[in-house]
Amino acid sequence: MDLELNGKTAFISGSSEGIGYAAARALAREGADVILNGRDQAKLDNAVAALGRDVPGVSVSGVAADFAVTDDVDRLCGQLPSVDILVNNVGLFELKPFELVSDDDWRLYFEVNVLSGVRLARRLMPAMLDRGWGRIVFVSSESGVNVPGNMIHYGTSKTAMLAVGNGLAKLTKGTAVTVNAVLGGPTYSDGVARTVRTLAAAQSVPEEQMKAAIIGTNETTLLGRFIEPDEIANAVTFIASPVASAINGSAVRVDGGVLTTLL
């Protein structure tokens, strides 16, 4: 299927690795020019170079910014060109007992996971509406619907992300601009892989054994394995394309069957 993305420009926050990088790569392979983002300039430069080699023929660039730093976000917004597709992917996550999650932790999670999308949409959405076409995709999580007890601050930020996307979609009525969210399930992103390798090393077991043991504790997954970043990226790319014109204000599940409730 031709996703009709040639000539489109996409900005993907938090895309120097993991799901964000996979989304940028999938969009580039469909012909979109992509702008990557990350906190570390050297790591971002490596990601831009790698993607440029992988997908020649499209423009690949990067803008470094830390979404926990207001001045960085303001600078980033000032540097962005006209953007057709905004993928709000950047986010923090951690396992932490509720009683140990401080007010500062809560503020940080909302600053990065929620306000990043708010600020970018505020900067980029008006031009999309003026042009009459655009896509905003929030990379949320099934944790925003079924909030885990050991990640309440993370899950709540993902719930808020869904609320922002739903509200923004109502501003697009009568246009060809859409705002949607993707609800990913347990995904073997780079961050998760690092955690699994650390646990495996601590217990002197192979990474694959630890990986299978962790996902095996999730009794509701129908997939029976971790989701790969490319599988999330494929959904993001479809929703961001012109052929998904009838999908708006939706939370699309790519959760491997983890959620047992109807949305």
C-alpha atoms as a PDB file:
ATOM      1  CA  MET A   1       0.000   0.000   0.000  1.00  0.00           C
ATOM      2  CA  ASP A   2       1.273   3.463  -0.908  1.00  0.00           C
ATOM      3  CA  LEU A   3       0.884   5.586   2.214  1.00  0.00           C
ATOM      4  CA  GLU A   4       1.263   8.790   0.159  1.00  0.00           C
ATOM      5  CA  LEU A   5       3.893  10.304   2.441  1.00  0.00           C
ATOM      6  CA  ASN A   6       6.293  11.544  -0.233  1.00  0.00           C
ATOM      7  CA  GLY A   7       6.996  15.224   0.296  1.00  0.00           C
ATOM      8  CA  LYS A   8       5.678  15.289   3.864  1.00  0.00           C
ATOM      9  CA  THR A   9       7.874  16.474   6.740  1.00  0.00           C
ATOM     10  CA  ALA A  10       7.665  14.762  10.131  1.00  0.00           C
ATOM     11  CA  PHE A  11       9.088  15.716  13.520  1.00  0.00           C
ATOM     12  CA  ILE A  12       9.400  12.899  16.052  1.00  0.00           C
ATOM     13  CA  SER A  13      10.263  13.797  19.636  1.00  0.00           C
ATOM     14  CA  GLY A  14      12.543  11.447  21.567  1.00  0.00           C
ATOM     15  CA  SER A  15      13.702   9.677  18.412  1.00  0.00           C
ATOM     16  CA  SER A  16      17.424   9.020  18.821  1.00  0.00           C
ATOM     17  CA  GLU A  17      16.554   5.424  19.788  1.00  0.00           C
ATOM     18  CA  GLY A  18      13.679   3.083  20.600  1.00  0.00           C
ATOM     19  CA  ILE A  19      10.120   3.555  19.390  1.00  0.00           C
ATOM     20  CA  GLY A  20      10.819   7.116  18.275  1.00  0.00           C
ATOM     21  CA  TYR A  21      13.706   6.067  16.047  1.00  0.00           C
ATOM     22  CA  ALA A  22      11.661   3.168  14.664  1.00  0.00           C
ATOM     23  CA  ALA A  23       8.830   5.589  13.843  1.00  0.00           C
ATOM     24  CA  ALA A  24      11.223   7.980  12.114  1.00  0.00           C
ATOM     25  CA  ARG A  25      12.668   5.122  10.078  1.00  0.00           C
ATOM     26  CA  ALA A  26       9.227   3.843   9.072  1.00  0.00           C
ATOM     27  CA  LEU A  27       8.107   7.324   8.012  1.00  0.00           C
ATOM     28  CA  ALA A  28      11.337   7.856   6.051  1.00  0.00           C
ATOM     29  CA  ARG A  29      10.937   4.530   4.268  1.00  0.00           C
ATOM     30  CA  GLU A  30       7.530   5.741   3.103  1.00  0.00           C
ATOM     31  CA  GLY A  31       9.139   8.860   1.630  1.00  0.00           C
ATOM     32  CA  ALA A  32       8.721  11.440   4.390  1.00  0.00           C
ATOM     33  CA  ASP A  33      11.508  13.811   5.349  1.00  0.00           C
ATOM     34  CA  VAL A  34      12.162  13.381   9.062  1.00  0.00           C
ATOM     35  CA  ILE A  35      13.513  15.515  11.898  1.00  0.00           C
ATOM     36  CA  LEU A  36      14.845  13.537  14.842  1.00  0.00           C
ATOM     37  CA  ASN A  37      15.206  14.711  18.410  1.00  0.00           C
ATOM     38  CA  GLY A  38      17.146  13.672  21.490  1.00  0.00           C
ATOM     39  CA  ARG A  39      18.836  15.169  24.540  1.00  0.00           C
ATOM     40  CA  ASP A  40      22.384  14.091  23.724  1.00  0.00           C
ATOM     41  CA  GLN A  41      23.842  15.817  20.655  1.00  0.00           C
ATOM     42  CA  ALA A  42      26.410  13.100  19.889  1.00  0.00           C
ATOM     43  CA  LYS A  43      23.834  10.316  20.183  1.00  0.00           C
ATOM     44  CA  LEU A  44      21.413  12.302  18.033  1.00  0.00           C
ATOM     45  CA  ASP A  45      24.076  12.898  15.382  1.00  0.00           C
ATOM     46  CA  ASN A  46      24.762   9.161  15.263  1.00  0.00           C
ATOM     47  CA  ALA A  47      21.057   8.418  14.859  1.00  0.00           C
ATOM     48  CA  VAL A  48      20.710  10.971  12.037  1.00  0.00           C
ATOM     49  CA  ALA A  49      23.739   9.526  10.254  1.00  0.00           C
ATOM     50  CA  ALA A  50      22.510   5.927  10.681  1.00  0.00           C
ATOM     51  CA  LEU A  51      19.044   6.725   9.369  1.00  0.00           C
ATOM     52  CA  GLY A  52      20.473   8.689   6.460  1.00  0.00           C
ATOM     53  CA  ARG A  53      22.513   5.639   5.454  1.00  0.00           C
ATOM     54  CA  ASP A  54      19.558   3.294   5.943  1.00  0.00           C
ATOM     55  CA  VAL A  55      17.079   5.391   3.974  1.00  0.00           C
ATOM     56  CA  PRO A  56      18.859   7.436   1.294  1.00  0.00           C
ATOM     57  CA  GLY A  57      16.824   9.816  -0.803  1.00  0.00           C
ATOM     58  CA  VAL A  58      14.951  11.600   1.971  1.00  0.00           C
ATOM     59  CA  SER A  59      16.055  14.463   4.193  1.00  0.00           C
ATOM     60  CA  VAL A  60      17.099  13.364   7.685  1.00  0.00           C
ATOM     61  CA  SER A  61      18.048  16.006  10.240  1.00  0.00           C
ATOM     62  CA  GLY A  62      18.024  16.424  14.009  1.00  0.00           C
ATOM     63  CA  VAL A  63      17.382  19.033  16.684  1.00  0.00           C
ATOM     64  CA  ALA A  64      18.755  18.364  20.169  1.00  0.00           C
ATOM     65  CA  ALA A  65      16.556  19.418  23.091  1.00  0.00           C
ATOM     66  CA  ASP A  66      15.707  18.216  26.583  1.00  0.00           C
ATOM     67  CA  PHE A  67      11.961  18.430  27.162  1.00  0.00           C
ATOM     68  CA  ALA A  68      12.555  18.828  30.884  1.00  0.00           C
ATOM     69  CA  VAL A  69      14.232  22.193  30.183  1.00  0.00           C
ATOM     70  CA  THR A  70      11.872  25.005  29.157  1.00  0.00           C
ATOM     71  CA  ASP A  71      14.558  27.008  27.355  1.00  0.00           C
ATOM     72  CA  ASP A  72      15.489  23.948  25.295  1.00  0.00           C
ATOM     73  CA  VAL A  73      11.876  23.471  24.239  1.00  0.00           C
ATOM     74  CA  ASP A  74      11.513  27.138  23.290  1.00  0.00           C
ATOM     75  CA  ARG A  75      14.698  26.942  21.224  1.00  0.00           C
ATOM     76  CA  LEU A  76      13.575  23.743  19.519  1.00  0.00           C
ATOM     77  CA  CYS A  77      10.198  25.231  18.587  1.00  0.00           C
ATOM     78  CA  GLY A  78      11.961  28.230  17.088  1.00  0.00           C
ATOM     79  CA  GLN A  79      14.161  25.991  14.936  1.00  0.00           C
ATOM     80  CA  LEU A  80      11.462  23.743  13.511  1.00  0.00           C
ATOM     81  CA  PRO A  81      10.426  24.334   9.906  1.00  0.00           C
ATOM     82  CA  SER A  82       6.935  23.734   8.549  1.00  0.00           C
ATOM     83  CA  VAL A  83       5.927  20.298   9.829  1.00  0.00           C
ATOM     84  CA  ASP A  84       3.131  18.152   8.379  1.00  0.00           C
ATOM     85  CA  ILE A  85       3.361  15.299  10.887  1.00  0.00           C
ATOM     86  CA  LEU A  86       4.047  15.612  14.603  1.00  0.00           C
ATOM     87  CA  VAL A  87       4.754  12.424  16.538  1.00  0.00           C
ATOM     88  CA  ASN A  88       4.745  13.099  20.283  1.00  0.00           C
ATOM     89  CA  ASN A  89       6.864  10.192  21.425  1.00  0.00           C
ATOM     90  CA  VAL A  90       9.277  11.500  24.048  1.00  0.00           C
ATOM     91  CA  GLY A  91       8.646  10.142  27.522  1.00  0.00           C
ATOM     92  CA  LEU A  92      10.081   9.009  30.821  1.00  0.00           C
ATOM     93  CA  PHE A  93       9.230   5.757  32.590  1.00  0.00           C
ATOM     94  CA  GLU A  94      10.352   3.923  35.700  1.00  0.00           C
ATOM     95  CA  LEU A  95       9.173   1.442  38.279  1.00  0.00           C
ATOM     96  CA  LYS A  96       8.790   3.181  41.640  1.00  0.00           C
ATOM     97  CA  PRO A  97       6.656   2.601  44.740  1.00  0.00           C
ATOM     98  CA  PHE A  98       3.925   5.227  45.045  1.00  0.00           C
ATOM     99  CA  GLU A  99       5.094   6.421  48.466  1.00  0.00           C
ATOM    100  CA  LEU A 100       8.557   7.164  47.033  1.00  0.00           C
ATOM    101  CA  VAL A 101       7.298   9.243  44.109  1.00  0.00           C
ATOM    102  CA  SER A 102       7.963  12.834  45.144  1.00  0.00           C
ATOM    103  CA  ASP A 103       6.172  15.992  44.025  1.00  0.00           C
ATOM    104  CA  ASP A 104       9.231  16.766  41.921  1.00  0.00           C
ATOM    105  CA  ASP A 105       8.902  13.360  40.242  1.00  0.00           C
ATOM    106  CA  TRP A 106       5.272  14.057  39.412  1.00  0.00           C
ATOM    107  CA  ARG A 107       6.154  17.472  37.979  1.00  0.00           C
ATOM    108  CA  LEU A 108       8.962  16.017  35.876  1.00  0.00           C
ATOM    109  CA  TYR A 109       6.766  13.307  34.412  1.00  0.00           C
ATOM    110  CA  PHE A 110       4.059  15.769  33.447  1.00  0.00           C
ATOM    111  CA  GLU A 111       6.650  18.236  32.156  1.00  0.00           C
ATOM    112  CA  VAL A 112       8.179  15.684  29.788  1.00  0.00           C
ATOM    113  CA  ASN A 113       5.380  13.219  29.021  1.00  0.00           C
ATOM    114  CA  VAL A 114       2.452  15.643  28.775  1.00  0.00           C
ATOM    115  CA  LEU A 115       3.628  19.216  28.303  1.00  0.00           C
ATOM    116  CA  SER A 116       6.021  18.184  25.528  1.00  0.00           C
ATOM    117  CA  GLY A 117       3.037  17.333  23.349  1.00  0.00           C
ATOM    118  CA  VAL A 118       1.104  20.386  24.487  1.00  0.00           C
ATOM    119  CA  ARG A 119       3.931  22.751  23.582  1.00  0.00           C
ATOM    120  CA  LEU A 120       4.657  21.150  20.232  1.00  0.00           C
ATOM    121  CA  ALA A 121       0.997  21.045  19.251  1.00  0.00           C
ATOM    122  CA  ARG A 122       0.572  24.684  20.261  1.00  0.00           C
ATOM    123  CA  ARG A 123       3.533  25.567  18.019  1.00  0.00           C
ATOM    124  CA  LEU A 124       2.734  23.361  15.008  1.00  0.00           C
ATOM    125  CA  MET A 125      -1.017  22.747  14.903  1.00  0.00           C
ATOM    126  CA  PRO A 126      -2.158  26.255  13.845  1.00  0.00           C
ATOM    127  CA  ALA A 127      -0.129  26.015  10.622  1.00  0.00           C
ATOM    128  CA  MET A 128      -1.566  22.554   9.941  1.00  0.00           C
ATOM    129  CA  LEU A 129      -5.069  23.968  10.284  1.00  0.00           C
ATOM    130  CA  ASP A 130      -4.192  26.917   8.026  1.00  0.00           C
ATOM    131  CA  ARG A 131      -2.833  24.566   5.353  1.00  0.00           C
ATOM    132  CA  GLY A 132      -5.809  22.261   5.767  1.00  0.00           C
ATOM    133  CA  TRP A 133      -3.777  19.080   6.336  1.00  0.00           C
ATOM    134  CA  GLY A 134      -1.731  17.630   9.151  1.00  0.00           C
ATOM    135  CA  ARG A 135      -1.243  14.745  11.523  1.00  0.00           C
ATOM    136  CA  ILE A 136      -0.552  14.681  15.247  1.00  0.00           C
ATOM    137  CA  VAL A 137       0.099  11.288  16.831  1.00  0.00           C
ATOM    138  CA  PHE A 138       0.613  10.759  20.557  1.00  0.00           C
ATOM    139  CA  VAL A 139       2.560   7.631  21.474  1.00  0.00           C
ATOM    140  CA  SER A 140       0.722   6.687  24.646  1.00  0.00           C
ATOM    141  CA  SER A 141       0.524   3.367  26.452  1.00  0.00           C
ATOM    142  CA  GLU A 142      -1.894   0.767  27.705  1.00  0.00           C
ATOM    143  CA  SER A 143      -0.663   1.953  31.114  1.00  0.00           C
ATOM    144  CA  GLY A 144      -2.715   5.086  30.544  1.00  0.00           C
ATOM    145  CA  VAL A 145      -5.863   2.941  30.632  1.00  0.00           C
ATOM    146  CA  ASN A 146      -4.826   0.219  33.059  1.00  0.00           C
ATOM    147  CA  VAL A 147      -2.559   2.231  35.372  1.00  0.00           C
ATOM    148  CA  PRO A 148       0.059  -0.035  37.014  1.00  0.00           C
ATOM    149  CA  GLY A 149       0.418   0.204  40.769  1.00  0.00           C
ATOM    150  CA  ASN A 150       4.204   0.419  40.555  1.00  0.00           C
ATOM    151  CA  MET A 151       4.178   3.180  37.911  1.00  0.00           C
ATOM    152  CA  ILE A 152       1.259   5.393  38.916  1.00  0.00           C
ATOM    153  CA  HIS A 153       2.997   8.642  37.969  1.00  0.00           C
ATOM    154  CA  TYR A 154       3.908   7.239  34.552  1.00  0.00           C
ATOM    155  CA  GLY A 155       0.473   5.765  33.896  1.00  0.00           C
ATOM    156  CA  THR A 156      -1.298   8.958  34.941  1.00  0.00           C
ATOM    157  CA  SER A 157       0.862  11.005  32.568  1.00  0.00           C
ATOM    158  CA  LYS A 158      -0.113   8.659  29.738  1.00  0.00           C
ATOM    159  CA  THR A 159      -3.787   9.091  30.665  1.00  0.00           C
ATOM    160  CA  ALA A 160      -3.333  12.848  30.473  1.00  0.00           C
ATOM    161  CA  MET A 161      -1.701  12.444  27.064  1.00  0.00           C
ATOM    162  CA  LEU A 162      -4.833  10.666  25.823  1.00  0.00           C
ATOM    163  CA  ALA A 163      -6.989  13.496  27.184  1.00  0.00           C
ATOM    164  CA  VAL A 164      -4.912  16.167  25.425  1.00  0.00           C
ATOM    165  CA  GLY A 165      -5.095  14.311  22.123  1.00  0.00           C
ATOM    166  CA  ASN A 166      -8.843  13.805  22.431  1.00  0.00           C
ATOM    167  CA  GLY A 167      -9.405  17.475  23.120  1.00  0.00           C
ATOM    168  CA  LEU A 168      -7.152  18.630  20.273  1.00  0.00           C
ATOM    169  CA  ALA A 169      -9.007  16.390  17.825  1.00  0.00           C
ATOM    170  CA  LYS A 170     -12.175  18.392  18.476  1.00  0.00           C
ATOM    171  CA  LEU A 171     -10.392  21.485  17.144  1.00  0.00           C
ATOM    172  CA  THR A 172      -9.890  19.847  13.743  1.00  0.00           C
ATOM    173  CA  LYS A 173     -13.557  19.473  12.794  1.00  0.00           C
ATOM    174  CA  GLY A 174     -14.145  20.087   9.106  1.00  0.00           C
ATOM    175  CA  THR A 175     -10.440  19.939   8.202  1.00  0.00           C
ATOM    176  CA  ALA A 176      -8.049  17.252   6.982  1.00  0.00           C
ATOM    177  CA  VAL A 177      -6.020  17.536  10.185  1.00  0.00           C
ATOM    178  CA  THR A 178      -6.279  14.569  12.552  1.00  0.00           C
ATOM    179  CA  VAL A 179      -5.104  13.923  16.106  1.00  0.00           C
ATOM    180  CA  ASN A 180      -4.830  10.377  17.374  1.00  0.00           C
ATOM    181  CA  ALA A 181      -3.010   8.277  19.949  1.00  0.00           C
ATOM    182  CA  VAL A 182      -1.384   4.867  19.773  1.00  0.00           C
ATOM    183  CA  LEU A 183      -1.664   2.713  22.882  1.00  0.00           C
ATOM    184  CA  GLY A 184       1.402   0.524  22.915  1.00  0.00           C
ATOM    185  CA  GLY A 185       1.740  -2.529  25.088  1.00  0.00           C
ATOM    186  CA  PRO A 186       4.923  -3.988  26.628  1.00  0.00           C
ATOM    187  CA  THR A 187       7.548  -3.081  24.036  1.00  0.00           C
ATOM    188  CA  TYR A 188      11.175  -4.183  23.851  1.00  0.00           C
ATOM    189  CA  SER A 189      12.524  -0.690  23.400  1.00  0.00           C
ATOM    190  CA  ASP A 190      16.169   0.168  23.993  1.00  0.00           C
ATOM    191  CA  GLY A 191      15.388   1.342  27.524  1.00  0.00           C
ATOM    192  CA  VAL A 192      13.519  -1.837  28.387  1.00  0.00           C
ATOM    193  CA  ALA A 193      16.275  -3.942  26.826  1.00  0.00           C
ATOM    194  CA  ARG A 194      18.899  -2.231  28.988  1.00  0.00           C
ATOM    195  CA  THR A 195      16.827  -2.941  32.106  1.00  0.00           C
ATOM    196  CA  VAL A 196      16.370  -6.588  31.135  1.00  0.00           C
ATOM    197  CA  ARG A 197      20.090  -7.011  30.455  1.00  0.00           C
ATOM    198  CA  THR A 198      20.902  -5.505  33.838  1.00  0.00           C
ATOM    199  CA  LEU A 199      18.508  -7.884  35.600  1.00  0.00           C
ATOM    200  CA  ALA A 200      19.819 -10.833  33.602  1.00  0.00           C
ATOM    201  CA  ALA A 201      23.400 -10.015  34.500  1.00  0.00           C
ATOM    202  CA  ALA A 202      22.519  -9.627  38.173  1.00  0.00           C
ATOM    203  CA  GLN A 203      20.912 -13.082  38.181  1.00  0.00           C
ATOM    204  CA  SER A 204      23.487 -14.679  35.855  1.00  0.00           C
ATOM    205  CA  VAL A 205      20.906 -15.798  33.302  1.00  0.00           C
ATOM    206  CA  PRO A 206      20.740 -15.212  29.523  1.00  0.00           C
ATOM    207  CA  GLU A 207      18.948 -12.066  28.343  1.00  0.00           C
ATOM    208  CA  GLU A 208      16.387 -14.056  26.346  1.00  0.00           C
ATOM    209  CA  GLN A 209      15.536 -16.147  29.408  1.00  0.00           C
ATOM    210  CA  MET A 210      14.990 -13.043  31.518  1.00  0.00           C
ATOM    211  CA  LYS A 211      12.984 -11.423  28.713  1.00  0.00           C
ATOM    212  CA  ALA A 212      10.679 -14.457  28.464  1.00  0.00           C
ATOM    213  CA  ALA A 213      10.307 -14.656  32.250  1.00  0.00           C
ATOM    214  CA  ILE A 214       9.240 -11.010  32.510  1.00  0.00           C
ATOM    215  CA  ILE A 215       6.650 -11.121  29.746  1.00  0.00           C
ATOM    216  CA  GLY A 216       5.471 -14.465  31.095  1.00  0.00           C
ATOM    217  CA  THR A 217       4.225 -12.738  34.252  1.00  0.00           C
ATOM    218  CA  ASN A 218       1.738 -10.732  32.146  1.00  0.00           C
ATOM    219  CA  GLU A 219      -1.300 -12.997  32.128  1.00  0.00           C
ATOM    220  CA  THR A 220      -3.373 -10.880  29.736  1.00  0.00           C
ATOM    221  CA  THR A 221      -1.010 -10.612  26.764  1.00  0.00           C
ATOM    222  CA  LEU A 222      -2.417 -12.464  23.770  1.00  0.00           C
ATOM    223  CA  LEU A 223       0.784 -11.919  21.809  1.00  0.00           C
ATOM    224  CA  GLY A 224       2.786 -13.876  24.362  1.00  0.00           C
ATOM    225  CA  ARG A 225       5.941 -11.841  23.788  1.00  0.00           C
ATOM    226  CA  PHE A 226       7.238  -8.294  23.900  1.00  0.00           C
ATOM    227  CA  ILE A 227       6.112  -6.020  21.085  1.00  0.00           C
ATOM    228  CA  GLU A 228       8.936  -4.847  18.832  1.00  0.00           C
ATOM    229  CA  PRO A 229       9.420  -1.075  18.316  1.00  0.00           C
ATOM    230  CA  ASP A 230       8.848  -1.513  14.570  1.00  0.00           C
ATOM    231  CA  GLU A 231       5.360  -2.874  15.282  1.00  0.00           C
ATOM    232  CA  ILE A 232       4.430   0.314  17.122  1.00  0.00           C
ATOM    233  CA  ALA A 233       6.124   2.367  14.402  1.00  0.00           C
ATOM    234  CA  ASN A 234       4.076   0.725  11.653  1.00  0.00           C
ATOM    235  CA  ALA A 235       0.855   1.780  13.347  1.00  0.00           C
ATOM    236  CA  VAL A 236       2.140   5.317  13.891  1.00  0.00           C
ATOM    237  CA  THR A 237       3.126   5.599  10.234  1.00  0.00           C
ATOM    238  CA  PHE A 238      -0.254   4.406   8.972  1.00  0.00           C
ATOM    239  CA  ILE A 239      -2.166   6.789  11.246  1.00  0.00           C
ATOM    240  CA  ALA A 240       0.122   9.638  10.155  1.00  0.00           C
ATOM    241  CA  SER A 241      -0.577   9.002   6.494  1.00  0.00           C
ATOM    242  CA  PRO A 242      -3.237  10.475   4.178  1.00  0.00           C
ATOM    243  CA  VAL A 243      -4.811   7.030   3.746  1.00  0.00           C
ATOM    244  CA  ALA A 244      -5.898   7.112   7.417  1.00  0.00           C
ATOM    245  CA  SER A 245      -8.054  10.183   6.824  1.00  0.00           C
ATOM    246  CA  ALA A 246     -11.122   8.750   8.606  1.00  0.00           C
ATOM    247  CA  ILE A 247      -9.282   8.048  11.849  1.00  0.00           C
ATOM    248  CA  ASN A 248      -9.526  11.053  14.153  1.00  0.00           C
ATOM    249  CA  GLY A 249      -9.827  11.450  17.911  1.00  0.00           C
ATOM    250  CA  SER A 250      -9.009   7.786  18.373  1.00  0.00           C
ATOM    251  CA  ALA A 251      -6.860   5.749  20.713  1.00  0.00           C
ATOM    252  CA  VAL A 252      -5.609   2.902  18.539  1.00  0.00           C
ATOM    253  CA  ARG A 253      -4.543  -0.165  20.467  1.00  0.00           C
ATOM    254  CA  VAL A 254      -1.242  -1.818  19.537  1.00  0.00           C
ATOM    255  CA  ASP A 255      -0.982  -3.551  22.882  1.00  0.00           C
ATOM    256  CA  GLY A 256      -0.665  -7.218  21.963  1.00  0.00           C
ATOM    257  CA  GLY A 257      -4.021  -7.913  23.592  1.00  0.00           C
ATOM    258  CA  VAL A 258      -2.941  -6.762  27.065  1.00  0.00           C
ATOM    259  CA  LEU A 259      -5.964  -4.563  27.646  1.00  0.00           C
ATOM    260  CA  THR A 260      -9.065  -6.496  28.586  1.00  0.00           C
ATOM    261  CA  THR A 261     -11.387  -3.491  28.654  1.00  0.00           C
ATOM    262  CA  LEU A 262     -13.123  -1.918  25.687  1.00  0.00           C
ATOM    263  CA  LEU A 263     -12.130   1.683  24.934  1.00  0.00           C
END
